[in-house]
């Protein structure tokens, strides 16, 4: 069973549980909520090579991160960020093995890759380690049709399963109480699980079909 890596928040203030990705790292990343961040020692140069967003962050003088040594990432998922950072720092033995990620884990990784433009860095490892195995939706049997897969597929270029799932959702999504999108099993759909504007297009398609 896939598990998420846990840590003890009480250890964070003195960084006794700091994850060291680079012995000479010049950045201490504080990833996650301010009250309980994950401390990670990393290299700004390595991060700059991995991501144009991080490159701009560390090289543009108007950004505080360019001179700071302790750098907070309060809005990011620590486990997902660590996977991307470990790949960037060539710590391949420390990334999840085959079947080691849940759908939620992979969704968080997709968010990080989309946000920091690291899709090209991470995508080869998804196939190499089989991270999507048993997570791809089975539309015909209507299993594993979680809407969050559409964001994963859109981010990493799984075009066939993305198109199939979006068509399925377009036929089954509706607006429930307070205009909250619902699926055919009456479960609520979080619009944040979908690529930008996809939900609106699905509802428009349904409306056009009803009119026709």
C-alpha atoms as a PDB file:
ATOM      1  CA  UNK A   1       0.000   0.000   0.000  1.00  0.00           C
ATOM      2  CA  UNK A   2       1.356   3.464  -0.883  1.00  0.00           C
ATOM      3  CA  UNK A   3       2.166   5.544   2.175  1.00  0.00           C
ATOM      4  CA  UNK A   4       3.024   9.171   2.664  1.00  0.00           C
ATOM      5  CA  UNK A   5       6.291   9.998   4.390  1.00  0.00           C
ATOM      6  CA  UNK A   6       5.597  11.410   7.835  1.00  0.00           C
ATOM      7  CA  UNK A   7       7.664  13.518  10.201  1.00  0.00           C
ATOM      8  CA  UNK A   8       7.487  14.889  13.721  1.00  0.00           C
ATOM      9  CA  UNK A   9       6.630  18.585  13.773  1.00  0.00           C
ATOM     10  CA  UNK A  10       8.236  18.991  17.186  1.00  0.00           C
ATOM     11  CA  UNK A  11      11.629  18.314  15.575  1.00  0.00           C
ATOM     12  CA  UNK A  12      11.352  21.071  12.982  1.00  0.00           C
ATOM     13  CA  UNK A  13      12.331  24.250  14.944  1.00  0.00           C
ATOM     14  CA  UNK A  14      15.934  23.074  15.469  1.00  0.00           C
ATOM     15  CA  UNK A  15      15.963  21.333  12.077  1.00  0.00           C
ATOM     16  CA  UNK A  16      17.152  18.087  13.681  1.00  0.00           C
ATOM     17  CA  UNK A  17      15.181  16.209  11.040  1.00  0.00           C
ATOM     18  CA  UNK A  18      16.415  18.281   8.095  1.00  0.00           C
ATOM     19  CA  UNK A  19      16.480  16.336   4.842  1.00  0.00           C
ATOM     20  CA  UNK A  20      19.871  16.915   3.215  1.00  0.00           C
ATOM     21  CA  UNK A  21      19.809  16.690  -0.569  1.00  0.00           C
ATOM     22  CA  UNK A  22      23.135  18.456  -1.111  1.00  0.00           C
ATOM     23  CA  UNK A  23      25.970  18.498   1.425  1.00  0.00           C
ATOM     24  CA  UNK A  24      27.036  21.972   0.317  1.00  0.00           C
ATOM     25  CA  UNK A  25      23.506  23.208  -0.186  1.00  0.00           C
ATOM     26  CA  UNK A  26      23.105  26.968   0.134  1.00  0.00           C
ATOM     27  CA  UNK A  27      19.346  26.960   0.730  1.00  0.00           C
ATOM     28  CA  UNK A  28      17.280  25.692   3.640  1.00  0.00           C
ATOM     29  CA  UNK A  29      13.810  25.160   2.232  1.00  0.00           C
ATOM     30  CA  UNK A  30      10.918  25.261   4.698  1.00  0.00           C
ATOM     31  CA  UNK A  31       8.166  23.439   2.864  1.00  0.00           C
ATOM     32  CA  UNK A  32       4.555  23.348   4.038  1.00  0.00           C
ATOM     33  CA  UNK A  33       2.545  25.281   6.644  1.00  0.00           C
ATOM     34  CA  UNK A  34       4.527  27.875   8.602  1.00  0.00           C
ATOM     35  CA  UNK A  35       3.635  26.270  11.927  1.00  0.00           C
ATOM     36  CA  UNK A  36       4.987  22.890  10.836  1.00  0.00           C
ATOM     37  CA  UNK A  37       7.291  23.049   7.791  1.00  0.00           C
ATOM     38  CA  UNK A  38       9.541  20.324   6.421  1.00  0.00           C
ATOM     39  CA  UNK A  39      13.184  21.461   6.439  1.00  0.00           C
ATOM     40  CA  UNK A  40      15.199  20.517   3.343  1.00  0.00           C
ATOM     41  CA  UNK A  41      18.832  21.435   2.610  1.00  0.00           C
ATOM     42  CA  UNK A  42      19.170  21.980  -1.142  1.00  0.00           C
ATOM     43  CA  UNK A  43      21.313  23.655  -3.784  1.00  0.00           C
ATOM     44  CA  UNK A  44      20.068  26.816  -5.476  1.00  0.00           C
ATOM     45  CA  UNK A  45      22.144  26.002  -8.548  1.00  0.00           C
ATOM     46  CA  UNK A  46      20.594  22.552  -8.896  1.00  0.00           C
ATOM     47  CA  UNK A  47      17.110  23.958  -8.424  1.00  0.00           C
ATOM     48  CA  UNK A  48      17.805  26.674 -10.996  1.00  0.00           C
ATOM     49  CA  UNK A  49      18.814  24.052 -13.557  1.00  0.00           C
ATOM     50  CA  UNK A  50      15.662  22.034 -12.815  1.00  0.00           C
ATOM     51  CA  UNK A  51      13.089  24.830 -13.005  1.00  0.00           C
ATOM     52  CA  UNK A  52      12.896  28.175 -14.828  1.00  0.00           C
ATOM     53  CA  UNK A  53      10.660  29.391 -12.002  1.00  0.00           C
ATOM     54  CA  UNK A  54      13.259  28.571  -9.364  1.00  0.00           C
ATOM     55  CA  UNK A  55      15.948  30.025 -11.621  1.00  0.00           C
ATOM     56  CA  UNK A  56      14.112  33.347 -11.722  1.00  0.00           C
ATOM     57  CA  UNK A  57      13.479  33.160  -7.981  1.00  0.00           C
ATOM     58  CA  UNK A  58      17.165  32.782  -7.155  1.00  0.00           C
ATOM     59  CA  UNK A  59      18.686  35.026  -9.839  1.00  0.00           C
ATOM     60  CA  UNK A  60      16.433  38.075  -9.913  1.00  0.00           C
ATOM     61  CA  UNK A  61      17.536  40.542  -7.269  1.00  0.00           C
ATOM     62  CA  UNK A  62      14.035  41.919  -6.764  1.00  0.00           C
ATOM     63  CA  UNK A  63      13.024  38.547  -5.333  1.00  0.00           C
ATOM     64  CA  UNK A  64      13.918  38.072  -1.663  1.00  0.00           C
ATOM     65  CA  UNK A  65      14.804  34.411  -2.315  1.00  0.00           C
ATOM     66  CA  UNK A  66      17.836  35.500  -4.360  1.00  0.00           C
ATOM     67  CA  UNK A  67      19.769  36.425  -1.207  1.00  0.00           C
ATOM     68  CA  UNK A  68      17.912  34.491   1.500  1.00  0.00           C
ATOM     69  CA  UNK A  69      19.250  31.231   2.911  1.00  0.00           C
ATOM     70  CA  UNK A  70      16.034  30.142   4.676  1.00  0.00           C
ATOM     71  CA  UNK A  71      13.330  30.018   2.017  1.00  0.00           C
ATOM     72  CA  UNK A  72       9.688  29.244   2.870  1.00  0.00           C
ATOM     73  CA  UNK A  73       7.345  27.388   0.523  1.00  0.00           C
ATOM     74  CA  UNK A  74       4.235  27.514   2.760  1.00  0.00           C
ATOM     75  CA  UNK A  75       1.691  26.624   0.088  1.00  0.00           C
ATOM     76  CA  UNK A  76       3.377  23.486  -1.250  1.00  0.00           C
ATOM     77  CA  UNK A  77       2.953  19.835  -0.301  1.00  0.00           C
ATOM     78  CA  UNK A  78       6.203  18.732   1.357  1.00  0.00           C
ATOM     79  CA  UNK A  79       6.139  15.107   0.202  1.00  0.00           C
ATOM     80  CA  UNK A  80       5.407  16.054  -3.412  1.00  0.00           C
ATOM     81  CA  UNK A  81       8.055  18.776  -3.423  1.00  0.00           C
ATOM     82  CA  UNK A  82      10.597  16.332  -1.999  1.00  0.00           C
ATOM     83  CA  UNK A  83      10.010  13.897  -4.855  1.00  0.00           C
ATOM     84  CA  UNK A  84      10.721  16.625  -7.412  1.00  0.00           C
ATOM     85  CA  UNK A  85      13.721  17.941  -5.477  1.00  0.00           C
ATOM     86  CA  UNK A  86      15.204  14.459  -5.074  1.00  0.00           C
ATOM     87  CA  UNK A  87      14.998  13.891  -8.824  1.00  0.00           C
ATOM     88  CA  UNK A  88      16.623  17.278  -9.439  1.00  0.00           C
ATOM     89  CA  UNK A  89      19.443  16.459  -6.993  1.00  0.00           C
ATOM     90  CA  UNK A  90      19.959  12.994  -8.576  1.00  0.00           C
ATOM     91  CA  UNK A  91      18.825  11.207  -5.397  1.00  0.00           C
ATOM     92  CA  UNK A  92      17.089   8.549  -7.439  1.00  0.00           C
ATOM     93  CA  UNK A  93      17.320   5.840  -4.772  1.00  0.00           C
ATOM     94  CA  UNK A  94      15.200   8.001  -2.463  1.00  0.00           C
ATOM     95  CA  UNK A  95      12.184   8.449  -4.740  1.00  0.00           C
ATOM     96  CA  UNK A  96       9.132   6.137  -4.553  1.00  0.00           C
ATOM     97  CA  UNK A  97       9.362   2.783  -6.255  1.00  0.00           C
ATOM     98  CA  UNK A  98       6.743   1.084  -8.425  1.00  0.00           C
ATOM     99  CA  UNK A  99       3.280   1.441  -6.931  1.00  0.00           C
ATOM    100  CA  UNK A 100       4.656   3.755  -4.256  1.00  0.00           C
ATOM    101  CA  UNK A 101       2.315   6.673  -4.918  1.00  0.00           C
ATOM    102  CA  UNK A 102      -1.396   7.023  -4.307  1.00  0.00           C
ATOM    103  CA  UNK A 103      -3.642   9.077  -6.594  1.00  0.00           C
ATOM    104  CA  UNK A 104      -3.537  11.932  -4.088  1.00  0.00           C
ATOM    105  CA  UNK A 105       0.276  11.758  -3.973  1.00  0.00           C
ATOM    106  CA  UNK A 106       0.466  11.915  -7.754  1.00  0.00           C
ATOM    107  CA  UNK A 107      -2.038  14.766  -7.838  1.00  0.00           C
ATOM    108  CA  UNK A 108       0.160  16.781  -5.479  1.00  0.00           C
ATOM    109  CA  UNK A 109       3.233  16.028  -7.607  1.00  0.00           C
ATOM    110  CA  UNK A 110       1.325  17.271 -10.664  1.00  0.00           C
ATOM    111  CA  UNK A 111       0.507  20.515  -8.842  1.00  0.00           C
ATOM    112  CA  UNK A 112       4.192  21.065  -8.017  1.00  0.00           C
ATOM    113  CA  UNK A 113       5.305  20.256 -11.576  1.00  0.00           C
ATOM    114  CA  UNK A 114       2.703  22.557 -13.110  1.00  0.00           C
ATOM    115  CA  UNK A 115       3.531  25.377 -10.679  1.00  0.00           C
ATOM    116  CA  UNK A 116       7.324  25.218 -11.068  1.00  0.00           C
ATOM    117  CA  UNK A 117       7.518  23.975 -14.687  1.00  0.00           C
ATOM    118  CA  UNK A 118       9.276  20.711 -13.852  1.00  0.00           C
ATOM    119  CA  UNK A 119       7.105  18.374 -15.934  1.00  0.00           C
ATOM    120  CA  UNK A 120       9.986  17.489 -18.279  1.00  0.00           C
ATOM    121  CA  UNK A 121      12.163  16.600 -15.293  1.00  0.00           C
ATOM    122  CA  UNK A 122       9.643  14.297 -13.600  1.00  0.00           C
ATOM    123  CA  UNK A 123       7.745  12.745 -16.522  1.00  0.00           C
ATOM    124  CA  UNK A 124      10.377  10.077 -17.424  1.00  0.00           C
ATOM    125  CA  UNK A 125      10.344   8.746 -13.855  1.00  0.00           C
ATOM    126  CA  UNK A 126       6.581   8.258 -13.926  1.00  0.00           C
ATOM    127  CA  UNK A 127       6.973   5.640 -16.635  1.00  0.00           C
ATOM    128  CA  UNK A 128      10.254   4.234 -15.307  1.00  0.00           C
ATOM    129  CA  UNK A 129       8.789   3.618 -11.857  1.00  0.00           C
ATOM    130  CA  UNK A 130       5.237   2.843 -12.982  1.00  0.00           C
ATOM    131  CA  UNK A 131       3.709   5.509 -10.740  1.00  0.00           C
ATOM    132  CA  UNK A 132       0.509   5.635 -12.776  1.00  0.00           C
ATOM    133  CA  UNK A 133       0.026   1.865 -12.814  1.00  0.00           C
ATOM    134  CA  UNK A 134      -3.415   0.906 -11.441  1.00  0.00           C
ATOM    135  CA  UNK A 135      -4.349   4.598 -11.243  1.00  0.00           C
ATOM    136  CA  UNK A 136      -5.395   5.207 -14.858  1.00  0.00           C
ATOM    137  CA  UNK A 137      -9.228   5.402 -15.058  1.00  0.00           C
ATOM    138  CA  UNK A 138     -11.172   2.466 -16.422  1.00  0.00           C
ATOM    139  CA  UNK A 139     -13.980   4.362 -18.126  1.00  0.00           C
ATOM    140  CA  UNK A 140     -15.873   1.306 -19.379  1.00  0.00           C
ATOM    141  CA  UNK A 141     -16.257  -0.194 -15.926  1.00  0.00           C
ATOM    142  CA  UNK A 142     -16.495   3.279 -14.362  1.00  0.00           C
ATOM    143  CA  UNK A 143     -13.782   2.545 -11.842  1.00  0.00           C
ATOM    144  CA  UNK A 144     -10.992   4.863 -10.759  1.00  0.00           C
ATOM    145  CA  UNK A 145     -12.771   7.760 -12.473  1.00  0.00           C
ATOM    146  CA  UNK A 146     -11.574  10.299  -9.937  1.00  0.00           C
ATOM    147  CA  UNK A 147     -11.684  13.827 -11.450  1.00  0.00           C
ATOM    148  CA  UNK A 148      -8.209  14.578 -10.084  1.00  0.00           C
ATOM    149  CA  UNK A 149      -6.772  12.186 -12.686  1.00  0.00           C
ATOM    150  CA  UNK A 150      -7.767  14.698 -15.385  1.00  0.00           C
ATOM    151  CA  UNK A 151      -5.336  17.236 -13.903  1.00  0.00           C
ATOM    152  CA  UNK A 152      -2.589  14.608 -13.646  1.00  0.00           C
ATOM    153  CA  UNK A 153      -3.158  13.470 -17.235  1.00  0.00           C
ATOM    154  CA  UNK A 154      -3.356  17.042 -18.533  1.00  0.00           C
ATOM    155  CA  UNK A 155      -0.147  18.027 -16.735  1.00  0.00           C
ATOM    156  CA  UNK A 156       1.934  15.035 -17.815  1.00  0.00           C
ATOM    157  CA  UNK A 157       0.513  14.554 -21.291  1.00  0.00           C
ATOM    158  CA  UNK A 158      -1.541  11.370 -20.955  1.00  0.00           C
ATOM    159  CA  UNK A 159      -3.783  12.600 -23.743  1.00  0.00           C
ATOM    160  CA  UNK A 160      -5.823   9.464 -24.396  1.00  0.00           C
ATOM    161  CA  UNK A 161      -6.943   8.891 -20.803  1.00  0.00           C
ATOM    162  CA  UNK A 162      -7.432  12.635 -20.313  1.00  0.00           C
ATOM    163  CA  UNK A 163      -9.804  12.853 -23.260  1.00  0.00           C
ATOM    164  CA  UNK A 164     -11.684   9.720 -22.181  1.00  0.00           C
ATOM    165  CA  UNK A 165     -12.142  10.892 -18.591  1.00  0.00           C
ATOM    166  CA  UNK A 166     -13.194  14.411 -19.563  1.00  0.00           C
ATOM    167  CA  UNK A 167     -15.805  13.005 -21.973  1.00  0.00           C
ATOM    168  CA  UNK A 168     -17.077  10.750 -19.182  1.00  0.00           C
ATOM    169  CA  UNK A 169     -17.236  13.608 -16.692  1.00  0.00           C
ATOM    170  CA  UNK A 170     -18.927  15.875 -19.233  1.00  0.00           C
ATOM    171  CA  UNK A 171     -21.776  13.366 -19.453  1.00  0.00           C
ATOM    172  CA  UNK A 172     -22.124  12.802 -15.726  1.00  0.00           C
ATOM    173  CA  UNK A 173     -21.402  16.109 -14.000  1.00  0.00           C
ATOM    174  CA  UNK A 174     -24.250  18.344 -12.876  1.00  0.00           C
ATOM    175  CA  UNK A 175     -24.804  21.275 -10.541  1.00  0.00           C
ATOM    176  CA  UNK A 176     -26.190  20.413  -7.115  1.00  0.00           C
ATOM    177  CA  UNK A 177     -26.916  22.476  -4.028  1.00  0.00           C
ATOM    178  CA  UNK A 178     -25.399  25.974  -4.132  1.00  0.00           C
ATOM    179  CA  UNK A 179     -24.236  25.256  -7.691  1.00  0.00           C
ATOM    180  CA  UNK A 180     -21.638  22.794  -6.372  1.00  0.00           C
ATOM    181  CA  UNK A 181     -20.686  20.365  -9.155  1.00  0.00           C
ATOM    182  CA  UNK A 182     -21.727  16.772  -8.483  1.00  0.00           C
ATOM    183  CA  UNK A 183     -21.028  13.455 -10.163  1.00  0.00           C
ATOM    184  CA  UNK A 184     -23.632  10.843 -11.021  1.00  0.00           C
ATOM    185  CA  UNK A 185     -23.088   9.065  -7.687  1.00  0.00           C
ATOM    186  CA  UNK A 186     -23.988  12.363  -5.942  1.00  0.00           C
ATOM    187  CA  UNK A 187     -20.417  12.874  -4.737  1.00  0.00           C
ATOM    188  CA  UNK A 188     -19.192  16.457  -4.928  1.00  0.00           C
ATOM    189  CA  UNK A 189     -16.506  17.469  -7.410  1.00  0.00           C
ATOM    190  CA  UNK A 190     -13.797  19.923  -6.417  1.00  0.00           C
ATOM    191  CA  UNK A 191     -13.172  22.294  -9.364  1.00  0.00           C
ATOM    192  CA  UNK A 192      -9.548  22.611  -8.171  1.00  0.00           C
ATOM    193  CA  UNK A 193      -9.042  18.950  -9.154  1.00  0.00           C
ATOM    194  CA  UNK A 194      -9.545  19.879 -12.806  1.00  0.00           C
ATOM    195  CA  UNK A 195      -7.415  21.840 -15.280  1.00  0.00           C
ATOM    196  CA  UNK A 196      -8.371  25.492 -15.615  1.00  0.00           C
ATOM    197  CA  UNK A 197     -11.798  26.127 -17.214  1.00  0.00           C
ATOM    198  CA  UNK A 198     -12.465  22.441 -17.976  1.00  0.00           C
ATOM    199  CA  UNK A 199     -15.526  22.321 -15.687  1.00  0.00           C
ATOM    200  CA  UNK A 200     -17.102  25.327 -17.395  1.00  0.00           C
ATOM    201  CA  UNK A 201     -16.582  23.768 -20.818  1.00  0.00           C
ATOM    202  CA  UNK A 202     -18.151  20.489 -19.653  1.00  0.00           C
ATOM    203  CA  UNK A 203     -21.258  22.262 -18.372  1.00  0.00           C
ATOM    204  CA  UNK A 204     -21.504  24.302 -21.572  1.00  0.00           C
ATOM    205  CA  UNK A 205     -21.352  21.093 -23.595  1.00  0.00           C
ATOM    206  CA  UNK A 206     -24.160  19.602 -21.537  1.00  0.00           C
ATOM    207  CA  UNK A 207     -26.244  22.747 -22.029  1.00  0.00           C
ATOM    208  CA  UNK A 208     -25.733  22.684 -25.798  1.00  0.00           C
ATOM    209  CA  UNK A 209     -26.692  19.004 -25.867  1.00  0.00           C
ATOM    210  CA  UNK A 210     -29.911  19.719 -23.944  1.00  0.00           C
ATOM    211  CA  UNK A 211     -30.807  22.490 -26.362  1.00  0.00           C
ATOM    212  CA  UNK A 212     -30.142  20.291 -29.385  1.00  0.00           C
END
